[in-house]
Structures are given as C-alpha cells and as structure tokens.
Amino acid sequence: MAQLFAARSERDGNFRYAPDKWSVKEVVGHMSDSERIFAYRALRIARGDQSPLQGFEQDDYVREGNFGERTLLDLAEEFALVRASTIAFFKSLRKEAWTRRGMATKPKSPCARWLLLWPGTNCTTGKFSRSVTSRRFLAPDSRLALNANARAIT
C-alpha cells in the first residue's frame, strides 16, 4: 500500500470525492483502525474471553483519528505494520483457539470466523476502496490522474 500512495501528493491524500465523504487519508486510517479492532476481537476470543465485545462507530473513530494531520505515506506505512502484526497473531494461534467462541456484536462465533471475516472485511474494504478509488478518486473525470506518477488534475 505504501507503494500505491508513495507517488501521491498530500493534496491527493486530502481529496474527497464529495464534501460529506471521507478523504483518501481517512479511508486508509479507517482501514488501520478496523484491522486493529478485528484483531483485538479475535485475540479475546482466541484467549477464551467470554465477555461481550462492543461494536464501534466508524465515523467517530475517523473524526477523532486526525488522519488529515498525517502524511499519506505515514498512514500507508502504519497500515502495513498493523497488517503484519495481525498476520503474526493469526499465525501464532494454536489449533484449539480456532474453535473458541465469543460474543462480538452478534451471536457467539468462533475465533476462526474472525480470520475469515478479517481478510473478507479488508478484502471487501480493499475491493470497495479500490473500486471507490478507481471510480471516485482516480476516475478520468476526477482531479486525480490514473497514472500513479502523474500530477493531480485540477
């Protein structure tokens, strides 16, 4: 992801395809927040914690994340580190941890579900993000050029 955003300007990172929509930086920051939350849920379930896990309000997290004050590259590098940590966590689980069940905003589900949900969510988010990025941020009629090395179209 860092490579994807390395050639982009900070102006590109602050771009919103509509006034009430998240900026590119906010989307990347949201992906890191979501990754952490899903990994935390999986950790608690894998460790046998039976207490219910609350959901989170993504718009509040984005608002309080101050992602606009950070560089796009910094946010992308952070996401790569968070992802690496999540992968290391799932690789470390013992066989019995995969079938443990816990409550996280829905009926009890096994830890393995979070592994399936995590990449699914991020793949979905990634596909959604790529789709939105392609259509909203990188579309020929948007101010961003399709070529990663090109400058923003004004």
Protein backbone atom coordinates (compact mmCIF):
# COMPACT_ATOMS: atom_id res chain seq x y z
CA MET A 1 0.00 0.00 0.00
CA ALA A 2 2.87 2.36 0.72
CA GLN A 3 3.96 1.97 -2.91
CA LEU A 4 0.46 2.83 -4.10
CA PHE A 5 0.48 6.11 -2.20
CA ALA A 6 4.18 6.98 -2.41
CA ALA A 7 3.72 8.81 -5.70
CA ARG A 8 0.65 10.70 -4.48
CA SER A 9 0.74 14.23 -3.12
CA GLU A 10 -0.67 15.37 0.17
CA ARG A 11 -3.30 17.20 -1.83
CA ASP A 12 -4.31 13.84 -3.27
CA GLY A 13 -4.46 12.37 0.24
CA ASN A 14 -6.83 15.11 1.36
CA PHE A 15 -9.10 14.68 -1.67
CA ARG A 16 -12.78 13.91 -1.05
CA TYR A 17 -14.98 12.95 -3.97
CA ALA A 18 -17.88 14.64 -2.18
CA PRO A 19 -17.91 17.14 0.72
CA ASP A 20 -19.51 14.70 3.18
CA LYS A 21 -17.29 11.72 2.28
CA TRP A 22 -14.02 10.59 3.83
CA SER A 23 -10.73 11.71 2.33
CA VAL A 24 -8.21 9.22 0.98
CA LYS A 25 -6.24 9.64 4.22
CA GLU A 26 -9.35 8.93 6.28
CA VAL A 27 -10.06 5.75 4.31
CA VAL A 28 -6.52 4.49 4.94
CA GLY A 29 -6.72 5.44 8.62
CA HIS A 30 -10.08 3.67 8.91
CA MET A 31 -8.54 0.52 7.44
CA SER A 32 -5.87 0.55 10.18
CA ASP A 33 -8.44 1.17 12.91
CA SER A 34 -10.69 -1.62 11.63
CA GLU A 35 -7.79 -4.03 11.35
CA ARG A 36 -6.83 -3.37 14.97
CA ILE A 37 -10.39 -3.78 16.22
CA PHE A 38 -11.00 -7.05 14.37
CA ALA A 39 -7.64 -8.42 15.55
CA TYR A 40 -8.47 -7.41 19.12
CA ARG A 41 -11.80 -9.21 18.90
CA ALA A 42 -10.07 -12.33 17.57
CA LEU A 43 -7.44 -12.10 20.33
CA ARG A 44 -10.05 -12.00 23.08
CA ILE A 45 -12.00 -14.89 21.58
CA ALA A 46 -8.85 -16.94 20.98
CA ARG A 47 -7.82 -16.44 24.60
CA GLY A 48 -11.19 -17.66 25.85
CA ASP A 49 -12.65 -14.33 26.92
CA GLN A 50 -16.42 -14.75 27.12
CA SER A 51 -17.39 -11.16 27.87
CA PRO A 52 -19.38 -9.45 25.09
CA LEU A 53 -17.39 -7.21 22.77
CA GLN A 54 -18.93 -3.93 21.75
CA GLY A 55 -19.06 -2.55 18.25
CA PHE A 56 -17.56 0.76 17.25
CA GLU A 57 -18.83 3.83 15.45
CA GLN A 58 -16.51 4.20 12.49
CA ASP A 59 -17.36 7.85 11.84
CA ASP A 60 -16.42 8.76 15.42
CA TYR A 61 -13.12 6.92 15.05
CA VAL A 62 -12.34 8.68 11.79
CA ARG A 63 -13.28 12.07 13.23
CA GLU A 64 -11.01 11.54 16.26
CA GLY A 65 -8.21 9.92 14.25
CA ASN A 66 -6.85 13.24 12.97
CA PHE A 67 -5.75 11.44 9.82
CA GLY A 68 -5.69 14.70 7.87
CA GLU A 69 -2.79 15.91 10.03
CA ARG A 70 -0.59 12.98 8.98
CA THR A 71 1.08 12.26 5.69
CA LEU A 72 -0.48 9.79 3.30
CA LEU A 73 2.74 7.78 3.21
CA ASP A 74 2.85 7.61 7.03
CA LEU A 75 -0.72 6.29 7.13
CA ALA A 76 0.04 3.68 4.47
CA GLU A 77 3.19 2.55 6.29
CA GLU A 78 1.23 2.29 9.53
CA PHE A 79 -1.37 0.09 7.82
CA ALA A 80 1.41 -2.21 6.57
CA LEU A 81 2.73 -2.56 10.14
CA VAL A 82 -0.74 -3.21 11.57
CA ARG A 83 -1.37 -5.84 8.88
CA ALA A 84 1.96 -7.54 9.60
CA SER A 85 1.08 -7.65 13.30
CA THR A 86 -2.33 -9.17 12.56
CA ILE A 87 -0.81 -11.84 10.34
CA ALA A 88 1.75 -12.70 13.04
CA PHE A 89 -1.05 -13.01 15.60
CA PHE A 90 -3.13 -15.39 13.48
CA LYS A 91 -0.05 -17.47 12.65
CA SER A 92 0.66 -17.86 16.37
CA LEU A 93 -2.70 -19.38 17.31
CA ARG A 94 -2.85 -22.96 18.49
CA LYS A 95 -5.35 -25.33 16.93
CA GLU A 96 -7.84 -25.18 19.81
CA ALA A 97 -8.00 -21.39 19.67
CA TRP A 98 -9.61 -21.54 16.23
CA THR A 99 -12.80 -23.14 17.55
CA ARG A 100 -13.26 -20.98 20.66
CA ARG A 101 -16.40 -18.91 20.53
CA GLY A 102 -17.07 -15.39 21.72
CA MET A 103 -19.65 -12.64 21.51
CA ALA A 104 -18.81 -9.66 19.32
CA THR A 105 -21.88 -7.60 18.41
CA LYS A 106 -23.56 -10.74 17.01
CA PRO A 107 -24.29 -14.25 18.28
CA LYS A 108 -21.32 -16.26 19.50
CA SER A 109 -18.86 -17.04 16.77
CA PRO A 110 -15.58 -18.96 16.71
CA CYS A 111 -12.22 -17.25 16.54
CA ALA A 112 -11.78 -18.74 13.07
CA ARG A 113 -14.70 -16.61 11.91
CA TRP A 114 -12.65 -13.51 12.65
CA LEU A 115 -9.86 -14.81 10.48
CA LEU A 116 -12.39 -15.31 7.73
CA LEU A 117 -14.10 -12.01 8.45
CA TRP A 118 -10.87 -10.07 8.82
CA PRO A 119 -9.48 -10.68 5.35
CA GLY A 120 -13.00 -10.68 3.99
CA THR A 121 -13.64 -7.32 5.56
CA ASN A 122 -10.33 -5.98 4.43
CA CYS A 123 -10.67 -7.59 1.05
CA THR A 124 -14.15 -6.15 0.84
CA THR A 125 -12.87 -2.87 2.17
CA GLY A 126 -9.90 -3.18 -0.16
CA LYS A 127 -12.13 -4.02 -3.12
CA PHE A 128 -14.52 -1.27 -2.08
CA SER A 129 -11.61 1.09 -1.58
CA ARG A 130 -10.10 0.13 -4.93
CA SER A 131 -13.49 0.44 -6.55
CA VAL A 132 -14.22 3.78 -4.93
CA THR A 133 -10.66 4.90 -5.58
CA SER A 134 -10.94 3.91 -9.21
CA ARG A 135 -14.37 5.45 -9.68
CA ARG A 136 -14.22 8.43 -7.33
CA PHE A 137 -10.60 9.31 -6.76
CA LEU A 138 -8.85 8.07 -9.88
CA ALA A 139 -11.58 8.28 -12.50
CA PRO A 140 -10.62 10.15 -15.66
CA ASP A 141 -13.06 12.92 -14.82
CA SER A 142 -11.80 13.32 -11.25
CA ARG A 143 -8.97 15.64 -10.31
CA LEU A 144 -6.62 12.69 -9.81
CA ALA A 145 -4.88 11.13 -12.77
CA LEU A 146 -4.96 7.40 -13.43
CA ASN A 147 -1.20 7.24 -13.79
CA ALA A 148 0.40 6.92 -10.34
CA ASN A 149 3.27 9.11 -11.48
CA ALA A 150 1.07 11.84 -12.89
CA ARG A 151 0.22 15.02 -11.04
CA ALA A 152 -3.26 15.83 -9.84
CA ILE A 153 -5.60 17.14 -12.47
CA THR A 154 -7.06 20.46 -11.39
